[in-house]
């Protein structure tokens, strides 16, 4: 499994390219398809755990929107989305 820094970079790039919030199951599936998590048996579960931890970090570029969706934090926004 890739280190958290590679995960963070991959998720940021994925969210930038998509331009909309993504559900953790979609993030896990895409990472597995891209080969980054080729050996991970439950990519959705791991994505949920890592995205949740990333979104809790106060200076994270990723925010949790609820119901399993994650998005990029808007420029200048310092509070997480409801």
PDB file of N, CA and C in Angstrom:
ATOM      1  N   UNK A   1       0.856  -1.177   0.000  1.00  0.00           N
ATOM      2  CA  UNK A   1       0.000   0.000   0.000  1.00  0.00           C
ATOM      3  C   UNK A   1       0.898   1.235   0.000  1.00  0.00           C
ATOM      4  N   UNK A   2       0.552   2.243  -0.803  1.00  0.00           N
ATOM      5  CA  UNK A   2       1.399   3.429  -0.866  1.00  0.00           C
ATOM      6  C   UNK A   2       1.361   4.218   0.437  1.00  0.00           C
ATOM      7  N   UNK A   3       2.428   4.947   0.695  1.00  0.00           N
ATOM      8  CA  UNK A   3       2.459   5.777   1.903  1.00  0.00           C
ATOM      9  C   UNK A   3       1.380   6.859   1.849  1.00  0.00           C
ATOM     10  N   UNK A   4       1.004   7.396   3.015  1.00  0.00           N
ATOM     11  CA  UNK A   4      -0.047   8.420   3.062  1.00  0.00           C
ATOM     12  C   UNK A   4       0.214   9.630   2.165  1.00  0.00           C
ATOM     13  N   UNK A   5       1.489  10.019   1.987  1.00  0.00           N
ATOM     14  CA  UNK A   5       1.787  11.180   1.154  1.00  0.00           C
ATOM     15  C   UNK A   5       1.426  10.920  -0.312  1.00  0.00           C
ATOM     16  N   UNK A   6       1.694   9.723  -0.806  1.00  0.00           N
ATOM     17  CA  UNK A   6       1.324   9.381  -2.190  1.00  0.00           C
ATOM     18  C   UNK A   6      -0.193   9.316  -2.319  1.00  0.00           C
ATOM     19  N   UNK A   7      -0.862   8.824  -1.280  1.00  0.00           N
ATOM     20  CA  UNK A   7      -2.323   8.785  -1.279  1.00  0.00           C
ATOM     21  C   UNK A   7      -2.880  10.198  -1.370  1.00  0.00           C
ATOM     22  N   UNK A   8      -2.360  11.096  -0.529  1.00  0.00           N
ATOM     23  CA  UNK A   8      -2.828  12.480  -0.506  1.00  0.00           C
ATOM     24  C   UNK A   8      -2.646  13.145  -1.871  1.00  0.00           C
ATOM     25  N   UNK A   9      -1.491  12.981  -2.464  1.00  0.00           N
ATOM     26  CA  UNK A   9      -1.228  13.584  -3.772  1.00  0.00           C
ATOM     27  C   UNK A   9      -2.158  13.014  -4.835  1.00  0.00           C
ATOM     28  N   UNK A  10      -2.384  11.712  -4.797  1.00  0.00           N
ATOM     29  CA  UNK A  10      -3.267  11.078  -5.780  1.00  0.00           C
ATOM     30  C   UNK A  10      -4.703  11.572  -5.621  1.00  0.00           C
ATOM     31  N   UNK A  11      -5.164  11.702  -4.379  1.00  0.00           N
ATOM     32  CA  UNK A  11      -6.523  12.172  -4.120  1.00  0.00           C
ATOM     33  C   UNK A  11      -6.680  13.628  -4.550  1.00  0.00           C
ATOM     34  N   UNK A  12      -5.706  14.461  -4.245  1.00  0.00           N
ATOM     35  CA  UNK A  12      -5.773  15.863  -4.657  1.00  0.00           C
ATOM     36  C   UNK A  12      -5.849  15.980  -6.175  1.00  0.00           C
ATOM     37  N   UNK A  13      -5.029  15.225  -6.866  1.00  0.00           N
ATOM     38  CA  UNK A  13      -5.052  15.259  -8.335  1.00  0.00           C
ATOM     39  C   UNK A  13      -6.391  14.756  -8.869  1.00  0.00           C
ATOM     40  N   UNK A  14      -6.911  13.702  -8.263  1.00  0.00           N
ATOM     41  CA  UNK A  14      -8.191  13.130  -8.686  1.00  0.00           C
ATOM     42  C   UNK A  14      -9.325  14.146  -8.508  1.00  0.00           C
ATOM     43  N   UNK A  15      -9.369  14.803  -7.360  1.00  0.00           N
ATOM     44  CA  UNK A  15     -10.427  15.776  -7.092  1.00  0.00           C
ATOM     45  C   UNK A  15     -10.299  17.004  -7.998  1.00  0.00           C
ATOM     46  N   UNK A  16      -9.061  17.430  -8.282  1.00  0.00           N
ATOM     47  CA  UNK A  16      -8.855  18.565  -9.189  1.00  0.00           C
ATOM     48  C   UNK A  16      -9.337  18.225 -10.589  1.00  0.00           C
ATOM     49  N   UNK A  17      -8.971  17.042 -11.065  1.00  0.00           N
ATOM     50  CA  UNK A  17      -9.366  16.640 -12.420  1.00  0.00           C
ATOM     51  C   UNK A  17     -10.878  16.485 -12.539  1.00  0.00           C
ATOM     52  N   UNK A  18     -11.500  15.919 -11.496  1.00  0.00           N
ATOM     53  CA  UNK A  18     -12.940  15.669 -11.550  1.00  0.00           C
ATOM     54  C   UNK A  18     -13.738  16.968 -11.412  1.00  0.00           C
ATOM     55  N   UNK A  19     -13.258  17.877 -10.568  1.00  0.00           N
ATOM     56  CA  UNK A  19     -13.939  19.155 -10.405  1.00  0.00           C
ATOM     57  C   UNK A  19     -15.228  19.083  -9.601  1.00  0.00           C
ATOM     58  N   UNK A  20     -15.436  17.994  -8.909  1.00  0.00           N
ATOM     59  CA  UNK A  20     -16.633  17.834  -8.075  1.00  0.00           C
ATOM     60  C   UNK A  20     -16.297  16.897  -6.923  1.00  0.00           C
ATOM     61  N   UNK A  21     -17.122  16.891  -5.866  1.00  0.00           N
ATOM     62  CA  UNK A  21     -16.873  15.961  -4.761  1.00  0.00           C
ATOM     63  C   UNK A  21     -16.989  14.507  -5.229  1.00  0.00           C
ATOM     64  N   UNK A  22     -16.220  13.647  -4.584  1.00  0.00           N
ATOM     65  CA  UNK A  22     -16.265  12.219  -4.885  1.00  0.00           C
ATOM     66  C   UNK A  22     -16.561  11.428  -3.619  1.00  0.00           C
ATOM     67  N   UNK A  23     -17.243  10.312  -3.777  1.00  0.00           N
ATOM     68  CA  UNK A  23     -17.528   9.408  -2.671  1.00  0.00           C
ATOM     69  C   UNK A  23     -16.293   8.542  -2.437  1.00  0.00           C
ATOM     70  N   UNK A  24     -16.079   8.147  -1.192  1.00  0.00           N
ATOM     71  CA  UNK A  24     -14.886   7.360  -0.874  1.00  0.00           C
ATOM     72  C   UNK A  24     -14.833   6.041  -1.653  1.00  0.00           C
ATOM     73  N   UNK A  25     -15.977   5.465  -1.999  1.00  0.00           N
ATOM     74  CA  UNK A  25     -15.953   4.216  -2.773  1.00  0.00           C
ATOM     75  C   UNK A  25     -15.400   4.464  -4.174  1.00  0.00           C
ATOM     76  N   UNK A  26     -15.724   5.610  -4.755  1.00  0.00           N
ATOM     77  CA  UNK A  26     -15.210   5.977  -6.070  1.00  0.00           C
ATOM     78  C   UNK A  26     -13.707   6.217  -6.002  1.00  0.00           C
ATOM     79  N   UNK A  27     -13.257   6.887  -4.956  1.00  0.00           N
ATOM     80  CA  UNK A  27     -11.830   7.150  -4.783  1.00  0.00           C
ATOM     81  C   UNK A  27     -11.075   5.820  -4.669  1.00  0.00           C
ATOM     82  N   UNK A  28     -11.547   4.917  -3.826  1.00  0.00           N
ATOM     83  CA  UNK A  28     -10.902   3.614  -3.666  1.00  0.00           C
ATOM     84  C   UNK A  28     -10.869   2.820  -4.955  1.00  0.00           C
ATOM     85  N   UNK A  29     -11.981   2.814  -5.663  1.00  0.00           N
ATOM     86  CA  UNK A  29     -12.051   2.069  -6.928  1.00  0.00           C
ATOM     87  C   UNK A  29     -11.071   2.634  -7.947  1.00  0.00           C
ATOM     88  N   UNK A  30     -11.010   3.950  -8.052  1.00  0.00           N
ATOM     89  CA  UNK A  30     -10.107   4.577  -9.024  1.00  0.00           C
ATOM     90  C   UNK A  30      -8.640   4.336  -8.684  1.00  0.00           C
ATOM     91  N   UNK A  31      -8.314   4.375  -7.395  1.00  0.00           N
ATOM     92  CA  UNK A  31      -6.927   4.120  -6.998  1.00  0.00           C
ATOM     93  C   UNK A  31      -6.527   2.684  -7.320  1.00  0.00           C
ATOM     94  N   UNK A  32      -7.442   1.755  -7.125  1.00  0.00           N
ATOM     95  CA  UNK A  32      -7.167   0.352  -7.456  1.00  0.00           C
ATOM     96  C   UNK A  32      -7.009   0.189  -8.964  1.00  0.00           C
ATOM     97  N   UNK A  33      -7.910   0.799  -9.752  1.00  0.00           N
ATOM     98  CA  UNK A  33      -7.838   0.709 -11.212  1.00  0.00           C
ATOM     99  C   UNK A  33      -6.562   1.337 -11.762  1.00  0.00           C
ATOM    100  N   UNK A  34      -6.091   2.399 -11.111  1.00  0.00           N
ATOM    101  CA  UNK A  34      -4.877   3.081 -11.557  1.00  0.00           C
ATOM    102  C   UNK A  34      -3.617   2.300 -11.203  1.00  0.00           C
ATOM    103  N   UNK A  35      -3.758   1.258 -10.390  1.00  0.00           N
ATOM    104  CA  UNK A  35      -2.614   0.447 -10.009  1.00  0.00           C
ATOM    105  C   UNK A  35      -1.911   0.906  -8.751  1.00  0.00           C
ATOM    106  N   UNK A  36      -2.344   2.035  -8.189  1.00  0.00           N
ATOM    107  CA  UNK A  36      -1.714   2.534  -6.971  1.00  0.00           C
ATOM    108  C   UNK A  36      -1.991   1.595  -5.799  1.00  0.00           C
ATOM    109  N   UNK A  37      -3.184   1.005  -5.792  1.00  0.00           N
ATOM    110  CA  UNK A  37      -3.567   0.060  -4.741  1.00  0.00           C
ATOM    111  C   UNK A  37      -3.838  -1.316  -5.336  1.00  0.00           C
ATOM    112  N   UNK A  38      -3.008  -1.754  -6.251  1.00  0.00           N
ATOM    113  CA  UNK A  38      -3.220  -3.023  -6.950  1.00  0.00           C
ATOM    114  C   UNK A  38      -3.348  -4.209  -5.999  1.00  0.00           C
ATOM    115  N   UNK A  39      -2.643  -4.177  -4.883  1.00  0.00           N
ATOM    116  CA  UNK A  39      -2.641  -5.312  -3.954  1.00  0.00           C
ATOM    117  C   UNK A  39      -3.617  -5.156  -2.790  1.00  0.00           C
ATOM    118  N   UNK A  40      -4.337  -4.053  -2.729  1.00  0.00           N
ATOM    119  CA  UNK A  40      -5.277  -3.805  -1.638  1.00  0.00           C
ATOM    120  C   UNK A  40      -6.565  -4.576  -1.901  1.00  0.00           C
ATOM    121  N   UNK A  41      -6.992  -5.367  -0.914  1.00  0.00           N
ATOM    122  CA  UNK A  41      -8.186  -6.201  -1.087  1.00  0.00           C
ATOM    123  C   UNK A  41      -9.485  -5.420  -0.904  1.00  0.00           C
ATOM    124  N   UNK A  42      -9.504  -4.421  -0.035  1.00  0.00           N
ATOM    125  CA  UNK A  42     -10.703  -3.624   0.233  1.00  0.00           C
ATOM    126  C   UNK A  42     -10.391  -2.134   0.043  1.00  0.00           C
ATOM    127  N   UNK A  43     -10.241  -1.690  -1.207  1.00  0.00           N
ATOM    128  CA  UNK A  43      -9.837  -0.296  -1.430  1.00  0.00           C
ATOM    129  C   UNK A  43     -10.841   0.730  -0.914  1.00  0.00           C
ATOM    130  N   UNK A  44     -12.141   0.407  -0.959  1.00  0.00           N
ATOM    131  CA  UNK A  44     -13.146   1.356  -0.475  1.00  0.00           C
ATOM    132  C   UNK A  44     -13.004   1.587   1.028  1.00  0.00           C
ATOM    133  N   UNK A  45     -12.755   0.520   1.756  1.00  0.00           N
ATOM    134  CA  UNK A  45     -12.608   0.611   3.216  1.00  0.00           C
ATOM    135  C   UNK A  45     -11.373   1.439   3.580  1.00  0.00           C
ATOM    136  N   UNK A  46     -10.267   1.174   2.903  1.00  0.00           N
ATOM    137  CA  UNK A  46      -9.026   1.903   3.176  1.00  0.00           C
ATOM    138  C   UNK A  46      -9.179   3.371   2.779  1.00  0.00           C
ATOM    139  N   UNK A  47      -9.832   3.633   1.652  1.00  0.00           N
ATOM    140  CA  UNK A  47     -10.052   5.020   1.219  1.00  0.00           C
ATOM    141  C   UNK A  47     -10.885   5.772   2.243  1.00  0.00           C
ATOM    142  N   UNK A  48     -11.899   5.115   2.792  1.00  0.00           N
ATOM    143  CA  UNK A  48     -12.748   5.757   3.800  1.00  0.00           C
ATOM    144  C   UNK A  48     -11.925   6.153   5.023  1.00  0.00           C
ATOM    145  N   UNK A  49     -11.081   5.253   5.485  1.00  0.00           N
ATOM    146  CA  UNK A  49     -10.256   5.514   6.670  1.00  0.00           C
ATOM    147  C   UNK A  49      -9.267   6.644   6.407  1.00  0.00           C
ATOM    148  N   UNK A  50      -8.567   6.570   5.279  1.00  0.00           N
ATOM    149  CA  UNK A  50      -7.540   7.577   4.977  1.00  0.00           C
ATOM    150  C   UNK A  50      -8.146   8.944   4.667  1.00  0.00           C
ATOM    151  N   UNK A  51      -9.251   8.974   3.937  1.00  0.00           N
ATOM    152  CA  UNK A  51      -9.901  10.258   3.644  1.00  0.00           C
ATOM    153  C   UNK A  51     -10.440  10.906   4.916  1.00  0.00           C
ATOM    154  N   UNK A  52     -11.001  10.098   5.789  1.00  0.00           N
ATOM    155  CA  UNK A  52     -11.509  10.617   7.058  1.00  0.00           C
ATOM    156  C   UNK A  52     -10.383  11.248   7.872  1.00  0.00           C
ATOM    157  N   UNK A  53      -9.252  10.566   7.947  1.00  0.00           N
ATOM    158  CA  UNK A  53      -8.103  11.095   8.683  1.00  0.00           C
ATOM    159  C   UNK A  53      -7.567  12.362   8.019  1.00  0.00           C
ATOM    160  N   UNK A  54      -7.499  12.365   6.703  1.00  0.00           N
ATOM    161  CA  UNK A  54      -7.002  13.534   5.972  1.00  0.00           C
ATOM    162  C   UNK A  54      -7.903  14.742   6.185  1.00  0.00           C
ATOM    163  N   UNK A  55      -9.211  14.537   6.159  1.00  0.00           N
ATOM    164  CA  UNK A  55     -10.164  15.642   6.312  1.00  0.00           C
ATOM    165  C   UNK A  55     -10.164  16.214   7.735  1.00  0.00           C
ATOM    166  N   UNK A  56      -9.770  15.420   8.733  1.00  0.00           N
ATOM    167  CA  UNK A  56      -9.735  15.908  10.122  1.00  0.00           C
ATOM    168  C   UNK A  56      -8.542  16.814  10.395  1.00  0.00           C
ATOM    169  N   UNK A  57      -7.530  16.765   9.570  1.00  0.00           N
ATOM    170  CA  UNK A  57      -6.341  17.588   9.724  1.00  0.00           C
ATOM    171  C   UNK A  57      -6.735  19.039   9.472  1.00  0.00           C
ATOM    172  N   UNK A  58      -6.405  19.935  10.380  1.00  0.00           N
ATOM    173  CA  UNK A  58      -6.891  21.316  10.308  1.00  0.00           C
ATOM    174  C   UNK A  58      -6.446  22.070   9.056  1.00  0.00           C
ATOM    175  N   UNK A  59      -5.297  21.735   8.496  1.00  0.00           N
ATOM    176  CA  UNK A  59      -4.825  22.440   7.296  1.00  0.00           C
ATOM    177  C   UNK A  59      -4.960  21.576   6.044  1.00  0.00           C
ATOM    178  N   UNK A  60      -5.808  20.599   6.094  1.00  0.00           N
ATOM    179  CA  UNK A  60      -5.984  19.690   4.968  1.00  0.00           C
ATOM    180  C   UNK A  60      -6.612  20.397   3.770  1.00  0.00           C
ATOM    181  N   UNK A  61      -6.167  20.054   2.574  1.00  0.00           N
ATOM    182  CA  UNK A  61      -6.799  20.595   1.375  1.00  0.00           C
ATOM    183  C   UNK A  61      -8.101  19.864   1.033  1.00  0.00           C
ATOM    184  N   UNK A  62      -8.424  18.833   1.808  1.00  0.00           N
ATOM    185  CA  UNK A  62      -9.621  18.024   1.569  1.00  0.00           C
ATOM    186  C   UNK A  62     -10.590  18.206   2.729  1.00  0.00           C
ATOM    187  N   UNK A  63     -11.877  18.329   2.416  1.00  0.00           N
ATOM    188  CA  UNK A  63     -12.911  18.452   3.445  1.00  0.00           C
ATOM    189  C   UNK A  63     -13.957  17.359   3.259  1.00  0.00           C
ATOM    190  N   UNK A  64     -14.539  16.934   4.370  1.00  0.00           N
ATOM    191  CA  UNK A  64     -15.632  15.966   4.339  1.00  0.00           C
ATOM    192  C   UNK A  64     -16.939  16.733   4.199  1.00  0.00           C
ATOM    193  N   UNK A  65     -17.766  16.315   3.257  1.00  0.00           N
ATOM    194  CA  UNK A  65     -19.043  16.981   3.025  1.00  0.00           C
ATOM    195  C   UNK A  65     -20.199  16.236   3.666  1.00  0.00           C
ATOM    196  N   UNK A  66     -19.964  15.043   4.165  1.00  0.00           N
ATOM    197  CA  UNK A  66     -21.017  14.225   4.744  1.00  0.00           C
ATOM    198  C   UNK A  66     -21.438  13.125   3.786  1.00  0.00           C
ATOM    199  N   UNK A  67     -22.015  12.076   4.335  1.00  0.00           N
ATOM    200  CA  UNK A  67     -22.497  10.928   3.558  1.00  0.00           C
ATOM    201  C   UNK A  67     -21.416  10.305   2.685  1.00  0.00           C
ATOM    202  N   UNK A  68     -20.151  10.391   3.135  1.00  0.00           N
ATOM    203  CA  UNK A  68     -19.054   9.737   2.427  1.00  0.00           C
ATOM    204  C   UNK A  68     -18.437  10.529   1.291  1.00  0.00           C
ATOM    205  N   UNK A  69     -18.856  11.792   1.091  1.00  0.00           N
ATOM    206  CA  UNK A  69     -18.315  12.604   0.005  1.00  0.00           C
ATOM    207  C   UNK A  69     -17.200  13.514   0.516  1.00  0.00           C
ATOM    208  N   UNK A  70     -16.194  13.681  -0.343  1.00  0.00           N
ATOM    209  CA  UNK A  70     -15.040  14.524  -0.030  1.00  0.00           C
ATOM    210  C   UNK A  70     -14.777  15.453  -1.199  1.00  0.00           C
ATOM    211  N   UNK A  71     -14.288  16.669  -0.880  1.00  0.00           N
ATOM    212  CA  UNK A  71     -14.016  17.667  -1.910  1.00  0.00           C
ATOM    213  C   UNK A  71     -12.776  18.462  -1.517  1.00  0.00           C
ATOM    214  N   UNK A  72     -12.291  19.264  -2.467  1.00  0.00           N
ATOM    215  CA  UNK A  72     -11.181  20.156  -2.176  1.00  0.00           C
ATOM    216  C   UNK A  72     -11.686  21.338  -1.366  1.00  0.00           C
ATOM    217  N   UNK A  73     -10.882  21.776  -0.417  1.00  0.00           N
ATOM    218  CA  UNK A  73     -11.212  22.972   0.364  1.00  0.00           C
ATOM    219  C   UNK A  73     -11.056  24.181  -0.551  1.00  0.00           C
ATOM    220  N   UNK A  74     -11.966  25.096  -0.476  1.00  0.00           N
ATOM    221  CA  UNK A  74     -11.902  26.306  -1.296  1.00  0.00           C
ATOM    222  C   UNK A  74     -10.811  27.218  -0.766  1.00  0.00           C
ATOM    223  N   UNK A  75     -10.231  27.998  -1.648  1.00  0.00           N
ATOM    224  CA  UNK A  75      -9.180  28.940  -1.262  1.00  0.00           C
ATOM    225  C   UNK A  75      -9.681  29.875  -0.165  1.00  0.00           C
ATOM    226  N   UNK A  76      -8.897  30.031   0.896  1.00  0.00           N
ATOM    227  CA  UNK A  76      -9.260  30.919   1.979  1.00  0.00           C
ATOM    228  C   UNK A  76     -10.226  30.336   2.980  1.00  0.00           C
ATOM    229  N   UNK A  77     -10.789  29.178   2.714  1.00  0.00           N
ATOM    230  CA  UNK A  77     -11.736  28.549   3.634  1.00  0.00           C
ATOM    231  C   UNK A  77     -10.945  27.814   4.713  1.00  0.00           C
ATOM    232  N   UNK A  78     -11.209  28.146   5.957  1.00  0.00           N
ATOM    233  CA  UNK A  78     -10.485  27.494   7.052  1.00  0.00           C
ATOM    234  C   UNK A  78     -11.375  26.586   7.864  1.00  0.00           C
ATOM    235  N   UNK A  79     -12.658  26.552   7.578  1.00  0.00           N
ATOM    236  CA  UNK A  79     -13.557  25.693   8.344  1.00  0.00           C
ATOM    237  C   UNK A  79     -14.065  24.560   7.459  1.00  0.00           C
ATOM    238  N   UNK A  80     -14.267  23.375   8.044  1.00  0.00           N
ATOM    239  CA  UNK A  80     -14.789  22.265   7.244  1.00  0.00           C
ATOM    240  C   UNK A  80     -16.228  22.491   6.872  1.00  0.00           C
ATOM    241  N   UNK A  81     -16.644  21.903   5.764  1.00  0.00           N
ATOM    242  CA  UNK A  81     -18.030  21.995   5.318  1.00  0.00           C
ATOM    243  C   UNK A  81     -18.925  21.213   6.275  1.00  0.00           C
ATOM    244  N   UNK A  82     -20.189  21.593   6.401  1.00  0.00           N
ATOM    245  CA  UNK A  82     -21.094  20.849   7.274  1.00  0.00           C
ATOM    246  C   UNK A  82     -21.410  19.470   6.720  1.00  0.00           C
TER     247      UNK A  82
END
